[in-house]
Each structure stands twice: as C-alpha cells, then as structure tokens.
Amino acid sequence: MTEMKVRVLVAKPGLDGHDRGAKVIARALRDAGMEVIYTGLRQTPEMIVETALQEDVNVIGLSILSGAHMALVPRVMELLHENNMSDVIVLVGGIIPDEDIPQLKESGVYAVLGPGSRTEDIVNLINKAVGASV
C-alpha cells in the first residue's frame, strides 16, 4: 500500500506583494515530504478555494502581511464551507494582532502562526492535524 503525501496549498491572498516567507514555508514543507502547491501573489479567496478544490489539498496555508486578514480569511472559510471542504485544515501566517486570533479560530482556522515560527514546528503541526498516514 502506498502512503499518500500530505497536500498543502500555500497562498498569498489580497494585495500583499511580499512572498519570501511563503516561499520559505513552501520549501520547508516540500523538504519534509509534503506536496506543495504555491499560488503566487495577489490571489482572491475565490481563486484560492478553487485551486484547493482542483488540487484536492489537505491543508491551506494563508500568508498575509497586508492587514486584510479579517476580510480575507473569513471569506476563504465561507467558500470552503459552501464547497463542502470543511475538512481542509487552514493555517494563517503573517502579521496578525493577538486580539484577532480568537475570531479567526472561531471562523474555523486551525492555527495562527506569527513571525519567527519555526519551520519544524509548522511541519509537526500539519502532520498532527492531518495525521501522519493520510
């Protein structure tokens, strides 16, 4: 029996033009044996969810530095629900004020990761969330 790899979509929603962190995470996840799809910059929530649907991903990692997380993340969560994809784990990384984290988690976000999060911890978090034998 062949073990399936964890499939992760790394996305940059909104008008944020900085993607170095997203690329570092994408590489670390790939190096950990995960299949990674990177959408590139300036993606709409609709584009992200459509890609997640087409690619049959287990996890969506949203990298947001623009401050638009309270508009973009709830829309992604809403679209996932509308497309019967509530089982997809959503992680949010970037500059997220502490006071916004509870509301993001209430919307269904699994975890919020700030600057300085260790790539090893993110890999372990995803493996724990998805289960090592997907």
N, C-alpha and C. Protein backbone atom coordinates (compact mmCIF):
# COMPACT_ATOMS: atom_id res chain seq x y z
N MET A 1 0.84 -1.18 0.00
CA MET A 1 0.00 0.00 0.00
C MET A 1 0.89 1.24 0.00
N THR A 2 0.61 2.15 -0.89
CA THR A 2 1.39 3.38 -0.99
C THR A 2 0.80 4.44 -0.07
N GLU A 3 1.67 5.06 0.72
CA GLU A 3 1.22 6.11 1.62
C GLU A 3 1.09 7.41 0.83
N MET A 4 -0.07 8.07 0.95
CA MET A 4 -0.29 9.32 0.25
C MET A 4 0.42 10.46 0.98
N LYS A 5 0.91 11.40 0.21
CA LYS A 5 1.55 12.57 0.79
C LYS A 5 0.51 13.60 1.20
N VAL A 6 0.84 14.35 2.22
CA VAL A 6 0.02 15.49 2.61
C VAL A 6 0.15 16.53 1.51
N ARG A 7 -1.00 17.06 1.07
CA ARG A 7 -1.02 18.08 0.01
C ARG A 7 -1.37 19.43 0.64
N VAL A 8 -0.48 20.41 0.44
CA VAL A 8 -0.62 21.72 1.05
C VAL A 8 -0.65 22.79 -0.03
N LEU A 9 -1.64 23.66 0.05
CA LEU A 9 -1.71 24.84 -0.82
C LEU A 9 -1.21 26.02 -0.01
N VAL A 10 -0.17 26.69 -0.51
CA VAL A 10 0.34 27.90 0.13
C VAL A 10 -0.11 29.06 -0.74
N ALA A 11 -0.83 30.01 -0.13
CA ALA A 11 -1.45 31.08 -0.90
C ALA A 11 -1.19 32.45 -0.27
N LYS A 12 -1.11 33.44 -1.13
CA LYS A 12 -0.93 34.84 -0.73
C LYS A 12 -2.17 35.63 -1.15
N PRO A 13 -3.17 35.70 -0.27
CA PRO A 13 -4.39 36.44 -0.64
C PRO A 13 -4.21 37.95 -0.55
N GLY A 14 -4.99 38.65 -1.33
CA GLY A 14 -5.01 40.10 -1.25
C GLY A 14 -3.89 40.76 -2.03
N LEU A 15 -3.64 42.00 -1.69
CA LEU A 15 -2.71 42.83 -2.44
C LEU A 15 -1.29 42.83 -1.89
N ASP A 16 -1.03 42.00 -0.91
CA ASP A 16 0.30 41.88 -0.32
C ASP A 16 1.29 41.42 -1.37
N GLY A 17 2.39 42.13 -1.52
CA GLY A 17 3.37 41.79 -2.53
C GLY A 17 4.62 41.12 -2.01
N HIS A 18 4.62 40.72 -0.75
CA HIS A 18 5.80 40.11 -0.15
C HIS A 18 5.59 38.62 0.03
N ASP A 19 6.42 37.80 -0.63
CA ASP A 19 6.18 36.36 -0.56
C ASP A 19 7.40 35.56 -0.11
N ARG A 20 8.40 36.20 0.43
CA ARG A 20 9.58 35.46 0.86
C ARG A 20 9.24 34.42 1.92
N GLY A 21 8.45 34.81 2.93
CA GLY A 21 8.07 33.88 3.99
C GLY A 21 7.28 32.71 3.46
N ALA A 22 6.36 32.98 2.55
CA ALA A 22 5.55 31.90 1.97
C ALA A 22 6.43 30.92 1.22
N LYS A 23 7.43 31.43 0.52
CA LYS A 23 8.34 30.56 -0.23
C LYS A 23 9.22 29.74 0.71
N VAL A 24 9.64 30.33 1.81
CA VAL A 24 10.44 29.60 2.80
C VAL A 24 9.63 28.45 3.38
N ILE A 25 8.37 28.73 3.73
CA ILE A 25 7.49 27.69 4.28
C ILE A 25 7.23 26.61 3.23
N ALA A 26 6.95 27.03 2.00
CA ALA A 26 6.68 26.06 0.93
C ALA A 26 7.86 25.11 0.75
N ARG A 27 9.06 25.64 0.77
CA ARG A 27 10.26 24.81 0.61
C ARG A 27 10.43 23.86 1.79
N ALA A 28 10.20 24.36 3.00
CA ALA A 28 10.35 23.52 4.20
C ALA A 28 9.34 22.38 4.19
N LEU A 29 8.12 22.66 3.77
CA LEU A 29 7.10 21.61 3.71
C LEU A 29 7.45 20.59 2.64
N ARG A 30 7.93 21.06 1.51
CA ARG A 30 8.35 20.15 0.44
C ARG A 30 9.52 19.28 0.90
N ASP A 31 10.47 19.91 1.58
CA ASP A 31 11.63 19.16 2.09
C ASP A 31 11.22 18.12 3.13
N ALA A 32 10.08 18.36 3.79
CA ALA A 32 9.56 17.41 4.79
C ALA A 32 8.73 16.30 4.13
N GLY A 33 8.66 16.30 2.81
CA GLY A 33 7.97 15.24 2.10
C GLY A 33 6.53 15.53 1.71
N MET A 34 6.10 16.75 1.90
CA MET A 34 4.73 17.11 1.52
C MET A 34 4.69 17.59 0.08
N GLU A 35 3.54 17.42 -0.55
CA GLU A 35 3.32 18.01 -1.88
C GLU A 35 2.83 19.42 -1.65
N VAL A 36 3.49 20.40 -2.28
CA VAL A 36 3.16 21.80 -2.05
C VAL A 36 2.77 22.45 -3.37
N ILE A 37 1.66 23.15 -3.34
CA ILE A 37 1.21 23.95 -4.48
C ILE A 37 1.28 25.40 -4.01
N TYR A 38 2.02 26.23 -4.72
CA TYR A 38 2.12 27.64 -4.36
C TYR A 38 1.40 28.47 -5.41
N THR A 39 0.44 29.28 -4.97
CA THR A 39 -0.40 30.02 -5.91
C THR A 39 0.23 31.29 -6.45
N GLY A 40 1.23 31.81 -5.76
CA GLY A 40 1.78 33.10 -6.17
C GLY A 40 1.03 34.24 -5.49
N LEU A 41 1.36 35.45 -5.89
CA LEU A 41 0.85 36.66 -5.25
C LEU A 41 -0.55 37.04 -5.73
N ARG A 42 -1.19 37.86 -4.91
CA ARG A 42 -2.44 38.55 -5.24
C ARG A 42 -3.59 37.64 -5.65
N GLN A 43 -3.84 36.65 -4.81
CA GLN A 43 -4.93 35.70 -5.06
C GLN A 43 -6.20 36.14 -4.33
N THR A 44 -7.34 35.96 -4.95
CA THR A 44 -8.60 36.23 -4.28
C THR A 44 -9.00 34.98 -3.49
N PRO A 45 -9.86 35.14 -2.49
CA PRO A 45 -10.35 33.95 -1.78
C PRO A 45 -10.97 32.93 -2.74
N GLU A 46 -11.69 33.41 -3.75
CA GLU A 46 -12.31 32.52 -4.73
C GLU A 46 -11.26 31.73 -5.49
N MET A 47 -10.19 32.37 -5.89
CA MET A 47 -9.10 31.69 -6.62
C MET A 47 -8.45 30.64 -5.73
N ILE A 48 -8.24 30.98 -4.47
CA ILE A 48 -7.58 30.06 -3.53
C ILE A 48 -8.43 28.82 -3.31
N VAL A 49 -9.71 29.00 -3.06
CA VAL A 49 -10.58 27.85 -2.79
C VAL A 49 -10.75 27.01 -4.06
N GLU A 50 -10.85 27.65 -5.21
CA GLU A 50 -10.96 26.88 -6.47
C GLU A 50 -9.70 26.03 -6.69
N THR A 51 -8.54 26.60 -6.43
CA THR A 51 -7.29 25.83 -6.56
C THR A 51 -7.26 24.69 -5.56
N ALA A 52 -7.67 24.96 -4.32
CA ALA A 52 -7.69 23.92 -3.29
C ALA A 52 -8.62 22.78 -3.70
N LEU A 53 -9.75 23.11 -4.30
CA LEU A 53 -10.70 22.11 -4.77
C LEU A 53 -10.10 21.28 -5.90
N GLN A 54 -9.52 21.95 -6.87
CA GLN A 54 -8.92 21.27 -8.02
C GLN A 54 -7.74 20.39 -7.63
N GLU A 55 -6.96 20.84 -6.67
CA GLU A 55 -5.75 20.12 -6.27
C GLU A 55 -5.99 19.11 -5.15
N ASP A 56 -7.21 19.07 -4.61
CA ASP A 56 -7.57 18.12 -3.57
C ASP A 56 -6.59 18.17 -2.40
N VAL A 57 -6.43 19.36 -1.84
CA VAL A 57 -5.45 19.56 -0.76
C VAL A 57 -6.02 19.20 0.59
N ASN A 58 -5.12 18.88 1.51
CA ASN A 58 -5.48 18.61 2.91
C ASN A 58 -5.39 19.88 3.75
N VAL A 59 -4.51 20.79 3.33
CA VAL A 59 -4.19 21.98 4.13
C VAL A 59 -4.08 23.19 3.21
N ILE A 60 -4.57 24.33 3.71
CA ILE A 60 -4.33 25.62 3.05
C ILE A 60 -3.56 26.47 4.03
N GLY A 61 -2.41 26.98 3.60
CA GLY A 61 -1.64 27.92 4.39
C GLY A 61 -1.76 29.29 3.76
N LEU A 62 -2.36 30.23 4.49
CA LEU A 62 -2.53 31.59 4.00
C LEU A 62 -1.48 32.49 4.62
N SER A 63 -0.71 33.17 3.79
CA SER A 63 0.31 34.10 4.27
C SER A 63 -0.17 35.51 4.01
N ILE A 64 -0.41 36.26 5.10
CA ILE A 64 -0.97 37.60 4.96
C ILE A 64 -0.16 38.60 5.79
N LEU A 65 0.39 39.58 5.11
CA LEU A 65 1.14 40.63 5.79
C LEU A 65 0.48 41.99 5.63
N SER A 66 -0.60 42.05 4.86
CA SER A 66 -1.22 43.32 4.47
C SER A 66 -2.15 43.91 5.52
N GLY A 67 -2.56 43.12 6.51
CA GLY A 67 -3.52 43.59 7.48
C GLY A 67 -4.95 43.32 7.08
N ALA A 68 -5.17 42.66 5.96
CA ALA A 68 -6.53 42.39 5.46
C ALA A 68 -7.05 41.02 5.90
N HIS A 69 -6.41 40.42 6.88
CA HIS A 69 -6.77 39.06 7.29
C HIS A 69 -8.21 38.93 7.79
N MET A 70 -8.76 39.97 8.41
CA MET A 70 -10.12 39.87 8.94
C MET A 70 -11.18 39.95 7.84
N ALA A 71 -10.81 40.36 6.65
CA ALA A 71 -11.71 40.34 5.50
C ALA A 71 -11.47 39.09 4.65
N LEU A 72 -10.21 38.74 4.44
CA LEU A 72 -9.87 37.66 3.52
C LEU A 72 -10.09 36.27 4.11
N VAL A 73 -9.66 36.05 5.33
CA VAL A 73 -9.74 34.71 5.93
C VAL A 73 -11.19 34.26 6.12
N PRO A 74 -12.08 35.09 6.68
CA PRO A 74 -13.47 34.63 6.81
C PRO A 74 -14.10 34.28 5.45
N ARG A 75 -13.73 34.99 4.40
CA ARG A 75 -14.27 34.68 3.07
C ARG A 75 -13.76 33.33 2.58
N VAL A 76 -12.48 33.04 2.81
CA VAL A 76 -11.95 31.73 2.45
C VAL A 76 -12.70 30.65 3.21
N MET A 77 -12.92 30.85 4.50
CA MET A 77 -13.60 29.85 5.32
C MET A 77 -15.04 29.64 4.83
N GLU A 78 -15.71 30.73 4.48
CA GLU A 78 -17.08 30.67 3.96
C GLU A 78 -17.13 29.87 2.66
N LEU A 79 -16.19 30.13 1.76
CA LEU A 79 -16.15 29.42 0.48
C LEU A 79 -15.83 27.94 0.67
N LEU A 80 -14.95 27.63 1.60
CA LEU A 80 -14.66 26.22 1.89
C LEU A 80 -15.93 25.51 2.35
N HIS A 81 -16.66 26.16 3.23
CA HIS A 81 -17.90 25.57 3.74
C HIS A 81 -18.91 25.37 2.60
N GLU A 82 -19.06 26.39 1.74
CA GLU A 82 -20.00 26.31 0.62
C GLU A 82 -19.64 25.18 -0.34
N ASN A 83 -18.36 24.84 -0.44
CA ASN A 83 -17.89 23.80 -1.35
C ASN A 83 -17.70 22.45 -0.66
N ASN A 84 -18.30 22.31 0.54
CA ASN A 84 -18.20 21.06 1.30
C ASN A 84 -16.74 20.65 1.54
N MET A 85 -15.92 21.63 1.86
CA MET A 85 -14.49 21.40 2.10
C MET A 85 -14.12 21.77 3.53
N SER A 86 -15.04 21.59 4.44
CA SER A 86 -14.78 21.96 5.84
C SER A 86 -13.70 21.11 6.49
N ASP A 87 -13.34 19.98 5.85
CA ASP A 87 -12.30 19.11 6.39
C ASP A 87 -10.89 19.61 6.05
N VAL A 88 -10.78 20.62 5.18
CA VAL A 88 -9.47 21.18 4.84
C VAL A 88 -8.99 22.03 6.01
N ILE A 89 -7.78 21.77 6.45
CA ILE A 89 -7.19 22.49 7.57
C ILE A 89 -6.62 23.81 7.05
N VAL A 90 -6.95 24.90 7.73
CA VAL A 90 -6.49 26.22 7.32
C VAL A 90 -5.56 26.78 8.39
N LEU A 91 -4.37 27.16 7.95
CA LEU A 91 -3.38 27.83 8.80
C LEU A 91 -3.19 29.24 8.27
N VAL A 92 -3.02 30.18 9.16
CA VAL A 92 -2.78 31.57 8.76
C VAL A 92 -1.46 32.01 9.36
N GLY A 93 -0.62 32.57 8.52
CA GLY A 93 0.65 33.09 8.97
C GLY A 93 0.83 34.52 8.54
N GLY A 94 1.63 35.25 9.29
CA GLY A 94 1.90 36.64 8.94
C GLY A 94 1.81 37.53 10.16
N ILE A 95 1.52 38.80 9.88
CA ILE A 95 1.42 39.79 10.94
C ILE A 95 -0.04 39.85 11.38
N ILE A 96 -0.37 39.10 12.42
CA ILE A 96 -1.75 39.01 12.90
C ILE A 96 -1.78 39.49 14.35
N PRO A 97 -2.49 40.59 14.65
CA PRO A 97 -2.57 41.05 16.03
C PRO A 97 -3.21 39.99 16.94
N ASP A 98 -2.71 39.88 18.15
CA ASP A 98 -3.21 38.89 19.11
C ASP A 98 -4.72 38.96 19.29
N GLU A 99 -5.26 40.18 19.27
CA GLU A 99 -6.70 40.33 19.52
C GLU A 99 -7.57 39.78 18.38
N ASP A 100 -6.98 39.54 17.21
CA ASP A 100 -7.73 38.99 16.08
C ASP A 100 -7.72 37.46 16.05
N ILE A 101 -6.82 36.85 16.78
CA ILE A 101 -6.65 35.39 16.72
C ILE A 101 -7.90 34.63 17.17
N PRO A 102 -8.55 35.00 18.28
CA PRO A 102 -9.75 34.25 18.68
C PRO A 102 -10.84 34.24 17.60
N GLN A 103 -11.07 35.38 16.96
CA GLN A 103 -12.11 35.44 15.93
C GLN A 103 -11.73 34.60 14.71
N LEU A 104 -10.45 34.58 14.35
CA LEU A 104 -10.01 33.75 13.23
C LEU A 104 -10.22 32.27 13.56
N LYS A 105 -9.89 31.89 14.78
CA LYS A 105 -10.08 30.49 15.18
C LYS A 105 -11.56 30.13 15.24
N GLU A 106 -12.39 31.06 15.68
CA GLU A 106 -13.84 30.82 15.69
C GLU A 106 -14.38 30.60 14.29
N SER A 107 -13.75 31.22 13.29
CA SER A 107 -14.20 31.06 11.89
C SER A 107 -13.77 29.71 11.32
N GLY A 108 -12.92 28.98 12.06
CA GLY A 108 -12.51 27.66 11.62
C GLY A 108 -11.03 27.51 11.34
N VAL A 109 -10.25 28.56 11.53
CA VAL A 109 -8.81 28.48 11.32
C VAL A 109 -8.21 27.55 12.38
N TYR A 110 -7.38 26.63 11.95
CA TYR A 110 -6.78 25.64 12.86
C TYR A 110 -5.71 26.28 13.74
N ALA A 111 -4.85 27.12 13.13
CA ALA A 111 -3.77 27.76 13.89
C ALA A 111 -3.34 29.04 13.20
N VAL A 112 -2.86 29.98 14.02
CA VAL A 112 -2.31 31.24 13.53
C VAL A 112 -0.84 31.27 13.93
N LEU A 113 0.02 31.49 12.94
CA LEU A 113 1.47 31.44 13.15
C LEU A 113 2.07 32.80 12.85
N GLY A 114 2.80 33.33 13.79
CA GLY A 114 3.38 34.65 13.61
C GLY A 114 4.82 34.59 13.14
N PRO A 115 5.41 35.76 12.98
CA PRO A 115 6.82 35.84 12.58
C PRO A 115 7.69 35.08 13.58
N GLY A 116 8.68 34.39 13.08
CA GLY A 116 9.59 33.64 13.94
C GLY A 116 9.14 32.22 14.20
N SER A 117 7.99 31.82 13.67
CA SER A 117 7.55 30.43 13.84
C SER A 117 8.57 29.52 13.17
N ARG A 118 8.93 28.47 13.86
CA ARG A 118 9.95 27.55 13.34
C ARG A 118 9.32 26.62 12.30
N THR A 119 10.03 26.41 11.21
CA THR A 119 9.51 25.55 10.14
C THR A 119 9.27 24.13 10.65
N GLU A 120 10.13 23.64 11.55
CA GLU A 120 9.95 22.30 12.10
C GLU A 120 8.63 22.20 12.87
N ASP A 121 8.30 23.28 13.59
CA ASP A 121 7.05 23.29 14.34
C ASP A 121 5.84 23.29 13.40
N ILE A 122 5.96 23.99 12.28
CA ILE A 122 4.86 24.04 11.31
C ILE A 122 4.66 22.66 10.66
N VAL A 123 5.76 22.01 10.31
CA VAL A 123 5.69 20.65 9.75
C VAL A 123 5.00 19.72 10.75
N ASN A 124 5.42 19.77 12.01
CA ASN A 124 4.83 18.92 13.04
C ASN A 124 3.35 19.24 13.25
N LEU A 125 3.01 20.50 13.23
CA LEU A 125 1.62 20.93 13.39
C LEU A 125 0.74 20.35 12.27
N ILE A 126 1.22 20.44 11.05
CA ILE A 126 0.46 19.92 9.91
C ILE A 126 0.34 18.40 10.01
N ASN A 127 1.44 17.72 10.31
CA ASN A 127 1.38 16.26 10.43
C ASN A 127 0.40 15.83 11.52
N LYS A 128 0.40 16.55 12.63
CA LYS A 128 -0.53 16.24 13.73
C LYS A 128 -1.97 16.49 13.29
N ALA A 129 -2.20 17.62 12.61
CA ALA A 129 -3.56 17.99 12.21
C ALA A 129 -4.12 17.03 11.18
N VAL A 130 -3.31 16.66 10.23
CA VAL A 130 -3.77 15.80 9.13
C VAL A 130 -3.72 14.34 9.53
N GLY A 131 -2.74 14.00 10.34
CA GLY A 131 -2.49 12.59 10.67
C GLY A 131 -1.37 12.10 9.77
N ALA A 132 -0.39 11.49 10.32
CA ALA A 132 0.82 11.13 9.59
C ALA A 132 0.56 10.15 8.45
N SER A 133 -0.53 9.40 8.49
CA SER A 133 -0.78 8.41 7.43
C SER A 133 -2.00 8.77 6.60
N VAL A 134 -1.94 9.92 5.96
CA VAL A 134 -3.07 10.41 5.17
C VAL A 134 -3.52 9.37 4.17
